[in-house]
Amino acid sequence: MQKILVSSCLLGENVRYDGKQITSLSPLLQHWQDQQRVIRFCPEVAGGLSVPRSPAERQENGEIITLLGVNVTAAFQRGAQQALQLCLQHDIRFAVLKESSPSCGSQNIYDGSFKNKKISGQGLTTQLLQQHHIEVFSEFTLNKLAERLA
């Protein structure tokens, strides 16, 4: 049975920058968990970032900077590499990652201005996984993943 890498925050773990939960109530995610397909992972925490932490956004130059001006690109890169290694280890071809995140966004990310503006773009983990032919979905495109798994 095909395993699925899933952002830990979507499964109720307190790993978000603000320490809050954003659990997805999707019956599909619950079904996949019941089937024991889900492998939980947070690239930001795996990369060494704390909870809570200062919000971070991807800049035009590709670097990820916190609201406090700290460059956390290396931590995001470490987390992305760990996500890739986990996928390779478990032969994972599909991931469900948190939309808009500088790590996990698949369709959009915040624009780097810290003004709550989103732009078309991808997070570092999503980019790396897709470069290795791992399909990335978000909490908003679970039905598309269900079709791929059928």
N, C-alpha and C. Protein backbone atom coordinates (compact mmCIF):
# COMPACT_ATOMS: atom_id res chain seq x y z
N MET A 1 0.84 -1.19 0.00
CA MET A 1 0.00 0.00 0.00
C MET A 1 0.89 1.25 0.00
N GLN A 2 0.59 2.15 -0.88
CA GLN A 2 1.38 3.37 -1.05
C GLN A 2 1.29 4.28 0.18
N LYS A 3 2.44 4.63 0.76
CA LYS A 3 2.50 5.55 1.90
C LYS A 3 2.37 6.99 1.41
N ILE A 4 1.93 7.88 2.32
CA ILE A 4 1.76 9.30 2.01
C ILE A 4 2.45 10.11 3.10
N LEU A 5 3.34 11.00 2.70
CA LEU A 5 3.95 11.94 3.65
C LEU A 5 2.94 13.05 3.91
N VAL A 6 2.66 13.35 5.19
CA VAL A 6 1.66 14.36 5.53
C VAL A 6 2.24 15.33 6.55
N SER A 7 2.04 16.62 6.30
CA SER A 7 2.46 17.65 7.26
C SER A 7 1.87 17.36 8.63
N SER A 8 2.73 17.31 9.63
CA SER A 8 2.29 17.01 11.00
C SER A 8 1.23 17.98 11.50
N CYS A 9 1.34 19.24 11.08
CA CYS A 9 0.38 20.25 11.55
C CYS A 9 -1.04 19.93 11.10
N LEU A 10 -1.18 19.31 9.93
CA LEU A 10 -2.51 18.95 9.43
C LEU A 10 -3.12 17.80 10.22
N LEU A 11 -2.29 17.12 10.99
CA LEU A 11 -2.74 15.98 11.78
C LEU A 11 -2.85 16.32 13.27
N GLY A 12 -2.83 17.62 13.57
CA GLY A 12 -3.08 18.06 14.93
C GLY A 12 -1.88 18.25 15.81
N GLU A 13 -0.68 18.06 15.28
CA GLU A 13 0.51 18.27 16.11
C GLU A 13 0.81 19.76 16.21
N ASN A 14 1.23 20.19 17.38
CA ASN A 14 1.55 21.60 17.63
C ASN A 14 2.97 21.91 17.14
N VAL A 15 3.12 21.99 15.83
CA VAL A 15 4.44 22.24 15.25
C VAL A 15 4.49 23.55 14.47
N ARG A 16 3.36 24.20 14.31
CA ARG A 16 3.33 25.46 13.57
C ARG A 16 4.16 26.53 14.27
N TYR A 17 4.53 27.55 13.52
CA TYR A 17 5.36 28.63 14.08
C TYR A 17 4.72 29.24 15.32
N ASP A 18 3.38 29.33 15.34
CA ASP A 18 2.69 29.96 16.46
C ASP A 18 2.29 28.95 17.54
N GLY A 19 2.63 27.69 17.35
CA GLY A 19 2.32 26.66 18.33
C GLY A 19 0.87 26.22 18.35
N LYS A 20 0.07 26.75 17.44
CA LYS A 20 -1.36 26.41 17.41
C LYS A 20 -1.63 25.22 16.51
N GLN A 21 -2.79 24.62 16.72
CA GLN A 21 -3.22 23.50 15.90
C GLN A 21 -4.02 23.99 14.70
N ILE A 22 -3.90 23.28 13.60
CA ILE A 22 -4.73 23.56 12.42
C ILE A 22 -5.23 22.25 11.82
N THR A 23 -5.57 21.31 12.66
CA THR A 23 -5.95 19.98 12.24
C THR A 23 -6.94 20.01 11.09
N SER A 24 -6.63 19.23 10.06
CA SER A 24 -7.57 19.05 8.96
C SER A 24 -8.60 18.02 9.38
N LEU A 25 -9.85 18.31 9.16
CA LEU A 25 -10.92 17.39 9.52
C LEU A 25 -11.33 16.53 8.33
N SER A 26 -10.48 16.44 7.35
CA SER A 26 -10.80 15.71 6.14
C SER A 26 -11.02 14.22 6.41
N PRO A 27 -12.16 13.70 5.95
CA PRO A 27 -12.38 12.26 6.07
C PRO A 27 -11.34 11.45 5.27
N LEU A 28 -10.82 12.04 4.20
CA LEU A 28 -9.80 11.34 3.42
C LEU A 28 -8.53 11.14 4.23
N LEU A 29 -8.08 12.20 4.91
CA LEU A 29 -6.88 12.06 5.74
C LEU A 29 -7.11 11.02 6.84
N GLN A 30 -8.29 11.07 7.44
CA GLN A 30 -8.61 10.10 8.50
C GLN A 30 -8.60 8.68 7.93
N HIS A 31 -9.19 8.51 6.75
CA HIS A 31 -9.23 7.19 6.09
C HIS A 31 -7.82 6.68 5.83
N TRP A 32 -6.95 7.54 5.32
CA TRP A 32 -5.58 7.13 5.03
C TRP A 32 -4.82 6.80 6.31
N GLN A 33 -5.12 7.53 7.38
CA GLN A 33 -4.50 7.20 8.68
C GLN A 33 -4.98 5.83 9.16
N ASP A 34 -6.28 5.59 9.02
CA ASP A 34 -6.83 4.29 9.42
C ASP A 34 -6.20 3.15 8.63
N GLN A 35 -5.84 3.41 7.39
CA GLN A 35 -5.19 2.42 6.55
C GLN A 35 -3.68 2.30 6.84
N GLN A 36 -3.20 3.12 7.74
CA GLN A 36 -1.79 3.16 8.12
C GLN A 36 -0.89 3.53 6.93
N ARG A 37 -1.37 4.44 6.10
CA ARG A 37 -0.60 4.93 4.96
C ARG A 37 0.21 6.18 5.31
N VAL A 38 -0.20 6.87 6.36
CA VAL A 38 0.33 8.21 6.65
C VAL A 38 1.64 8.15 7.42
N ILE A 39 2.60 8.93 6.94
CA ILE A 39 3.84 9.18 7.67
C ILE A 39 3.87 10.67 7.97
N ARG A 40 3.82 11.01 9.25
CA ARG A 40 3.79 12.41 9.70
C ARG A 40 5.18 13.01 9.63
N PHE A 41 5.22 14.30 9.26
CA PHE A 41 6.52 14.95 9.19
C PHE A 41 6.35 16.47 9.17
N CYS A 42 7.19 17.17 9.90
CA CYS A 42 7.26 18.63 9.83
C CYS A 42 8.68 19.01 9.45
N PRO A 43 8.89 19.51 8.23
CA PRO A 43 10.25 19.86 7.82
C PRO A 43 10.87 20.98 8.63
N GLU A 44 10.06 21.90 9.12
CA GLU A 44 10.62 23.03 9.86
C GLU A 44 11.17 22.58 11.22
N VAL A 45 10.41 21.75 11.91
CA VAL A 45 10.89 21.23 13.19
C VAL A 45 12.05 20.26 12.96
N ALA A 46 11.94 19.41 11.94
CA ALA A 46 13.02 18.47 11.63
C ALA A 46 14.31 19.22 11.28
N GLY A 47 14.17 20.41 10.70
CA GLY A 47 15.32 21.22 10.34
C GLY A 47 15.96 21.95 11.51
N GLY A 48 15.33 21.84 12.69
CA GLY A 48 15.91 22.42 13.90
C GLY A 48 15.22 23.65 14.45
N LEU A 49 14.09 24.04 13.88
CA LEU A 49 13.39 25.23 14.38
C LEU A 49 12.50 24.87 15.57
N SER A 50 12.35 25.82 16.47
CA SER A 50 11.58 25.59 17.70
C SER A 50 10.10 25.87 17.49
N VAL A 51 9.32 25.50 18.48
CA VAL A 51 7.89 25.81 18.53
C VAL A 51 7.64 26.44 19.89
N PRO A 52 7.09 27.64 19.96
CA PRO A 52 6.82 28.53 18.82
C PRO A 52 8.11 29.16 18.30
N ARG A 53 7.96 29.83 17.16
CA ARG A 53 9.09 30.51 16.53
C ARG A 53 8.57 31.72 15.78
N SER A 54 9.44 32.61 15.45
CA SER A 54 9.06 33.79 14.69
C SER A 54 8.57 33.36 13.32
N PRO A 55 7.49 33.97 12.82
CA PRO A 55 7.03 33.62 11.47
C PRO A 55 8.11 33.92 10.44
N ALA A 56 8.14 33.10 9.40
CA ALA A 56 9.16 33.24 8.35
C ALA A 56 8.47 33.25 7.00
N GLU A 57 9.06 33.98 6.07
CA GLU A 57 8.53 34.03 4.70
C GLU A 57 9.68 33.96 3.71
N ARG A 58 9.37 33.40 2.58
CA ARG A 58 10.36 33.27 1.51
C ARG A 58 10.47 34.60 0.77
N GLN A 59 11.69 35.03 0.57
CA GLN A 59 11.96 36.30 -0.10
C GLN A 59 12.15 36.07 -1.60
N GLU A 60 12.18 37.14 -2.37
CA GLU A 60 12.35 37.04 -3.82
C GLU A 60 13.64 36.31 -4.19
N ASN A 61 14.67 36.44 -3.39
CA ASN A 61 15.95 35.79 -3.69
C ASN A 61 15.98 34.32 -3.26
N GLY A 62 14.86 33.82 -2.72
CA GLY A 62 14.77 32.42 -2.33
C GLY A 62 15.10 32.16 -0.87
N GLU A 63 15.71 33.12 -0.20
CA GLU A 63 16.03 32.94 1.21
C GLU A 63 14.77 33.02 2.05
N ILE A 64 14.81 32.37 3.21
CA ILE A 64 13.69 32.42 4.14
C ILE A 64 14.14 33.20 5.36
N ILE A 65 13.43 34.28 5.62
CA ILE A 65 13.78 35.23 6.67
C ILE A 65 12.61 35.33 7.65
N THR A 66 12.93 35.41 8.94
CA THR A 66 11.87 35.57 9.94
C THR A 66 11.44 37.04 10.04
N LEU A 67 10.35 37.25 10.69
CA LEU A 67 9.85 38.60 10.95
C LEU A 67 10.88 39.43 11.70
N LEU A 68 11.73 38.76 12.48
CA LEU A 68 12.78 39.44 13.25
C LEU A 68 14.05 39.66 12.44
N GLY A 69 14.05 39.23 11.17
CA GLY A 69 15.19 39.44 10.29
C GLY A 69 16.25 38.36 10.31
N VAL A 70 15.95 37.22 10.93
CA VAL A 70 16.90 36.13 11.01
C VAL A 70 16.77 35.24 9.77
N ASN A 71 17.90 34.92 9.15
CA ASN A 71 17.90 34.05 7.98
C ASN A 71 17.85 32.59 8.47
N VAL A 72 16.75 31.90 8.16
CA VAL A 72 16.56 30.51 8.59
C VAL A 72 16.56 29.55 7.39
N THR A 73 17.10 29.99 6.28
CA THR A 73 17.12 29.19 5.07
C THR A 73 17.77 27.83 5.31
N ALA A 74 18.89 27.79 6.02
CA ALA A 74 19.60 26.52 6.24
C ALA A 74 18.72 25.51 6.98
N ALA A 75 17.97 25.96 7.96
CA ALA A 75 17.08 25.05 8.70
C ALA A 75 15.98 24.52 7.78
N PHE A 76 15.45 25.37 6.92
CA PHE A 76 14.43 24.94 5.97
C PHE A 76 15.01 23.94 4.97
N GLN A 77 16.23 24.17 4.55
CA GLN A 77 16.89 23.25 3.62
C GLN A 77 17.15 21.89 4.27
N ARG A 78 17.59 21.91 5.54
CA ARG A 78 17.81 20.65 6.27
C ARG A 78 16.51 19.86 6.37
N GLY A 79 15.43 20.55 6.71
CA GLY A 79 14.14 19.88 6.83
C GLY A 79 13.67 19.31 5.50
N ALA A 80 13.88 20.05 4.42
CA ALA A 80 13.50 19.57 3.09
C ALA A 80 14.29 18.31 2.74
N GLN A 81 15.58 18.32 3.03
CA GLN A 81 16.43 17.15 2.75
C GLN A 81 15.96 15.94 3.56
N GLN A 82 15.58 16.16 4.81
CA GLN A 82 15.10 15.07 5.65
C GLN A 82 13.78 14.52 5.12
N ALA A 83 12.91 15.41 4.62
CA ALA A 83 11.65 14.97 4.03
C ALA A 83 11.93 14.08 2.81
N LEU A 84 12.86 14.51 1.98
CA LEU A 84 13.21 13.73 0.80
C LEU A 84 13.76 12.36 1.21
N GLN A 85 14.65 12.33 2.19
CA GLN A 85 15.22 11.05 2.63
C GLN A 85 14.14 10.11 3.16
N LEU A 86 13.18 10.66 3.88
CA LEU A 86 12.08 9.85 4.40
C LEU A 86 11.25 9.28 3.25
N CYS A 87 11.01 10.10 2.25
CA CYS A 87 10.25 9.63 1.08
C CYS A 87 11.01 8.53 0.34
N LEU A 88 12.30 8.71 0.17
CA LEU A 88 13.10 7.70 -0.52
C LEU A 88 13.16 6.41 0.29
N GLN A 89 13.30 6.54 1.59
CA GLN A 89 13.39 5.38 2.48
C GLN A 89 12.12 4.54 2.43
N HIS A 90 10.95 5.20 2.34
CA HIS A 90 9.66 4.50 2.38
C HIS A 90 9.00 4.40 1.01
N ASP A 91 9.74 4.72 -0.04
CA ASP A 91 9.22 4.70 -1.41
C ASP A 91 7.91 5.50 -1.53
N ILE A 92 7.91 6.68 -0.92
CA ILE A 92 6.74 7.56 -0.95
C ILE A 92 6.74 8.36 -2.25
N ARG A 93 5.61 8.35 -2.93
CA ARG A 93 5.47 9.10 -4.18
C ARG A 93 4.48 10.25 -4.07
N PHE A 94 3.81 10.36 -2.91
CA PHE A 94 2.79 11.39 -2.72
C PHE A 94 2.97 12.06 -1.36
N ALA A 95 2.73 13.38 -1.33
CA ALA A 95 2.80 14.12 -0.07
C ALA A 95 1.61 15.07 0.01
N VAL A 96 1.13 15.28 1.22
CA VAL A 96 0.10 16.29 1.51
C VAL A 96 0.77 17.27 2.45
N LEU A 97 1.02 18.48 1.94
CA LEU A 97 1.74 19.48 2.71
C LEU A 97 0.91 20.74 2.87
N LYS A 98 1.16 21.48 3.93
CA LYS A 98 0.38 22.66 4.30
C LYS A 98 0.56 23.79 3.30
N GLU A 99 -0.54 24.17 2.69
CA GLU A 99 -0.50 25.26 1.71
C GLU A 99 -0.05 26.57 2.35
N SER A 100 0.65 27.38 1.59
CA SER A 100 1.13 28.73 1.92
C SER A 100 2.39 28.76 2.78
N SER A 101 2.79 27.62 3.31
CA SER A 101 3.98 27.56 4.14
C SER A 101 5.24 27.78 3.30
N PRO A 102 6.26 28.44 3.88
CA PRO A 102 7.52 28.61 3.14
C PRO A 102 8.26 27.28 2.94
N SER A 103 7.86 26.25 3.67
CA SER A 103 8.39 24.91 3.44
C SER A 103 7.49 24.12 2.50
N CYS A 104 6.20 24.17 2.78
CA CYS A 104 5.27 23.19 2.23
C CYS A 104 4.31 23.70 1.17
N GLY A 105 4.20 25.00 0.97
CA GLY A 105 3.25 25.51 0.00
C GLY A 105 3.44 24.87 -1.37
N SER A 106 2.34 24.47 -2.00
CA SER A 106 2.45 23.84 -3.32
C SER A 106 1.92 24.74 -4.43
N GLN A 107 1.00 25.62 -4.10
CA GLN A 107 0.43 26.54 -5.08
C GLN A 107 0.76 28.00 -4.76
N ASN A 108 0.80 28.31 -3.46
CA ASN A 108 1.08 29.69 -3.07
C ASN A 108 1.88 29.73 -1.77
N ILE A 109 2.56 30.85 -1.60
CA ILE A 109 3.32 31.13 -0.38
C ILE A 109 3.12 32.61 -0.06
N TYR A 110 3.48 33.01 1.14
CA TYR A 110 3.43 34.43 1.47
C TYR A 110 4.55 35.15 0.75
N ASP A 111 4.32 36.40 0.42
CA ASP A 111 5.19 37.14 -0.51
C ASP A 111 6.49 37.67 0.08
N GLY A 112 6.73 37.47 1.36
CA GLY A 112 7.97 37.93 1.97
C GLY A 112 7.88 39.30 2.62
N SER A 113 6.71 39.93 2.54
CA SER A 113 6.54 41.27 3.10
C SER A 113 5.97 41.26 4.52
N PHE A 114 5.52 40.10 4.98
CA PHE A 114 4.87 39.95 6.29
C PHE A 114 3.61 40.82 6.40
N LYS A 115 2.95 41.01 5.25
CA LYS A 115 1.70 41.78 5.22
C LYS A 115 0.52 40.89 4.86
N ASN A 116 0.67 39.58 5.09
CA ASN A 116 -0.40 38.61 4.85
C ASN A 116 -0.82 38.54 3.39
N LYS A 117 0.12 38.80 2.48
CA LYS A 117 -0.16 38.73 1.04
C LYS A 117 0.43 37.45 0.48
N LYS A 118 -0.37 36.73 -0.30
CA LYS A 118 0.08 35.49 -0.91
C LYS A 118 0.37 35.70 -2.40
N ILE A 119 1.35 34.92 -2.87
CA ILE A 119 1.69 34.93 -4.28
C ILE A 119 1.80 33.49 -4.76
N SER A 120 1.75 33.31 -6.04
CA SER A 120 1.95 31.99 -6.61
C SER A 120 3.39 31.57 -6.33
N GLY A 121 3.57 30.37 -5.83
CA GLY A 121 4.91 29.90 -5.52
C GLY A 121 4.88 28.63 -4.71
N GLN A 122 6.07 28.11 -4.43
CA GLN A 122 6.21 26.87 -3.70
C GLN A 122 7.22 27.01 -2.57
N GLY A 123 7.01 26.20 -1.55
CA GLY A 123 7.95 26.13 -0.45
C GLY A 123 9.15 25.27 -0.81
N LEU A 124 10.20 25.36 0.00
CA LEU A 124 11.44 24.63 -0.28
C LEU A 124 11.25 23.11 -0.29
N THR A 125 10.50 22.58 0.65
CA THR A 125 10.29 21.13 0.70
C THR A 125 9.51 20.67 -0.52
N THR A 126 8.47 21.38 -0.86
CA THR A 126 7.67 21.03 -2.04
C THR A 126 8.55 21.01 -3.28
N GLN A 127 9.36 22.04 -3.46
CA GLN A 127 10.23 22.10 -4.64
C GLN A 127 11.16 20.89 -4.70
N LEU A 128 11.79 20.56 -3.58
CA LEU A 128 12.74 19.45 -3.57
C LEU A 128 12.03 18.13 -3.85
N LEU A 129 10.89 17.91 -3.23
CA LEU A 129 10.17 16.66 -3.47
C LEU A 129 9.75 16.54 -4.93
N GLN A 130 9.24 17.63 -5.49
CA GLN A 130 8.81 17.58 -6.88
C GLN A 130 9.99 17.36 -7.84
N GLN A 131 11.15 17.88 -7.51
CA GLN A 131 12.33 17.64 -8.33
C GLN A 131 12.69 16.15 -8.37
N HIS A 132 12.23 15.42 -7.36
CA HIS A 132 12.49 13.98 -7.28
C HIS A 132 11.23 13.17 -7.61
N HIS A 133 10.32 13.79 -8.33
CA HIS A 133 9.13 13.13 -8.88
C HIS A 133 8.16 12.64 -7.81
N ILE A 134 8.12 13.36 -6.70
CA ILE A 134 7.13 13.10 -5.65
C ILE A 134 6.04 14.15 -5.83
N GLU A 135 4.82 13.69 -6.00
CA GLU A 135 3.70 14.61 -6.23
C GLU A 135 3.26 15.21 -4.90
N VAL A 136 3.09 16.53 -4.90
CA VAL A 136 2.71 17.24 -3.69
C VAL A 136 1.31 17.82 -3.83
N PHE A 137 0.49 17.54 -2.84
CA PHE A 137 -0.88 18.04 -2.76
C PHE A 137 -0.99 18.86 -1.48
N SER A 138 -2.07 19.62 -1.37
CA SER A 138 -2.31 20.39 -0.15
C SER A 138 -3.61 19.92 0.49
N GLU A 139 -3.93 20.50 1.63
CA GLU A 139 -5.19 20.18 2.29
C GLU A 139 -6.39 20.57 1.44
N PHE A 140 -6.16 21.38 0.41
CA PHE A 140 -7.24 21.82 -0.48
C PHE A 140 -7.37 20.96 -1.73
N THR A 141 -6.43 20.03 -1.95
CA THR A 141 -6.46 19.21 -3.17
C THR A 141 -6.44 17.72 -2.84
N LEU A 142 -7.00 17.36 -1.71
CA LEU A 142 -7.01 15.95 -1.30
C LEU A 142 -7.79 15.07 -2.26
N ASN A 143 -8.84 15.60 -2.87
CA ASN A 143 -9.62 14.80 -3.82
C ASN A 143 -8.77 14.41 -5.02
N LYS A 144 -7.87 15.29 -5.43
CA LYS A 144 -6.98 14.95 -6.55
C LYS A 144 -6.04 13.81 -6.16
N LEU A 145 -5.56 13.84 -4.94
CA LEU A 145 -4.72 12.74 -4.47
C LEU A 145 -5.52 11.45 -4.41
N ALA A 146 -6.75 11.52 -3.93
CA ALA A 146 -7.60 10.32 -3.86
C ALA A 146 -7.77 9.71 -5.25
N GLU A 147 -7.91 10.55 -6.25
CA GLU A 147 -8.02 10.05 -7.62
C GLU A 147 -6.74 9.37 -8.06
N ARG A 148 -5.59 9.93 -7.68
CA ARG A 148 -4.29 9.34 -8.06
C ARG A 148 -4.08 7.99 -7.36
N LEU A 149 -4.60 7.86 -6.15
CA LEU A 149 -4.43 6.63 -5.39
C LEU A 149 -5.40 5.52 -5.84
N ALA A 150 -6.47 5.92 -6.51
CA ALA A 150 -7.51 4.93 -6.92
C ALA A 150 -7.01 3.99 -8.00
